[in-house]
Amino acid sequence: MMSTLIQTDRFTLSETERSAIEHEMHHYEDPRA
């Protein structure tokens, strides 16, 4: 397993993938808010 993987609530993403998704999510309202 890669050391760069990050465990989230539902799935594991690499740091790059997580950063990309978080960047994209800034374009949308957070449904949890």
C-alpha atoms as a PDB file:
ATOM      1  CA  MET A   1       0.000   0.000   0.000  1.00  0.00           C
ATOM      2  CA  MET A   2       1.280   3.444  -0.879  1.00  0.00           C
ATOM      3  CA  SER A   3       2.144   5.699   2.038  1.00  0.00           C
ATOM      4  CA  THR A   4       0.448   8.613   0.273  1.00  0.00           C
ATOM      5  CA  LEU A   5      -3.006   7.083   0.527  1.00  0.00           C
ATOM      6  CA  ILE A   6      -5.416   8.876   2.821  1.00  0.00           C
ATOM      7  CA  GLN A   7      -8.364   7.134   4.468  1.00  0.00           C
ATOM      8  CA  THR A   8     -11.567   9.138   4.103  1.00  0.00           C
ATOM      9  CA  ASP A   9     -15.037   8.341   5.416  1.00  0.00           C
ATOM     10  CA  ARG A  10     -15.947   6.082   2.507  1.00  0.00           C
ATOM     11  CA  PHE A  11     -12.868   5.396   0.417  1.00  0.00           C
ATOM     12  CA  THR A  12      -9.118   5.839   0.166  1.00  0.00           C
ATOM     13  CA  LEU A  13      -7.615   8.437  -2.133  1.00  0.00           C
ATOM     14  CA  SER A  14      -4.077   9.373  -2.940  1.00  0.00           C
ATOM     15  CA  GLU A  15      -3.002  12.861  -1.886  1.00  0.00           C
ATOM     16  CA  THR A  16      -3.131  14.052  -5.500  1.00  0.00           C
ATOM     17  CA  GLU A  17      -6.623  12.664  -6.048  1.00  0.00           C
ATOM     18  CA  ARG A  18      -7.866  14.132  -2.776  1.00  0.00           C
ATOM     19  CA  SER A  19      -6.470  17.551  -3.631  1.00  0.00           C
ATOM     20  CA  ALA A  20      -8.056  17.458  -7.087  1.00  0.00           C
ATOM     21  CA  ILE A  21     -11.449  16.456  -5.686  1.00  0.00           C
ATOM     22  CA  GLU A  22     -11.322  19.087  -2.945  1.00  0.00           C
ATOM     23  CA  HIS A  23     -10.469  21.684  -5.596  1.00  0.00           C
ATOM     24  CA  GLU A  24     -13.439  20.602  -7.727  1.00  0.00           C
ATOM     25  CA  MET A  25     -15.769  20.591  -4.716  1.00  0.00           C
ATOM     26  CA  HIS A  26     -15.132  24.311  -4.246  1.00  0.00           C
ATOM     27  CA  HIS A  27     -17.333  24.794  -7.319  1.00  0.00           C
ATOM     28  CA  TYR A  28     -20.329  23.226  -5.576  1.00  0.00           C
ATOM     29  CA  GLU A  29     -22.290  23.820  -2.391  1.00  0.00           C
ATOM     30  CA  ASP A  30     -21.558  21.330   0.365  1.00  0.00           C
ATOM     31  CA  PRO A  31     -24.736  19.238   0.860  1.00  0.00           C
ATOM     32  CA  ARG A  32     -23.648  18.612   4.466  1.00  0.00           C
ATOM     33  CA  ALA A  33     -23.604  22.323   5.311  1.00  0.00           C
END
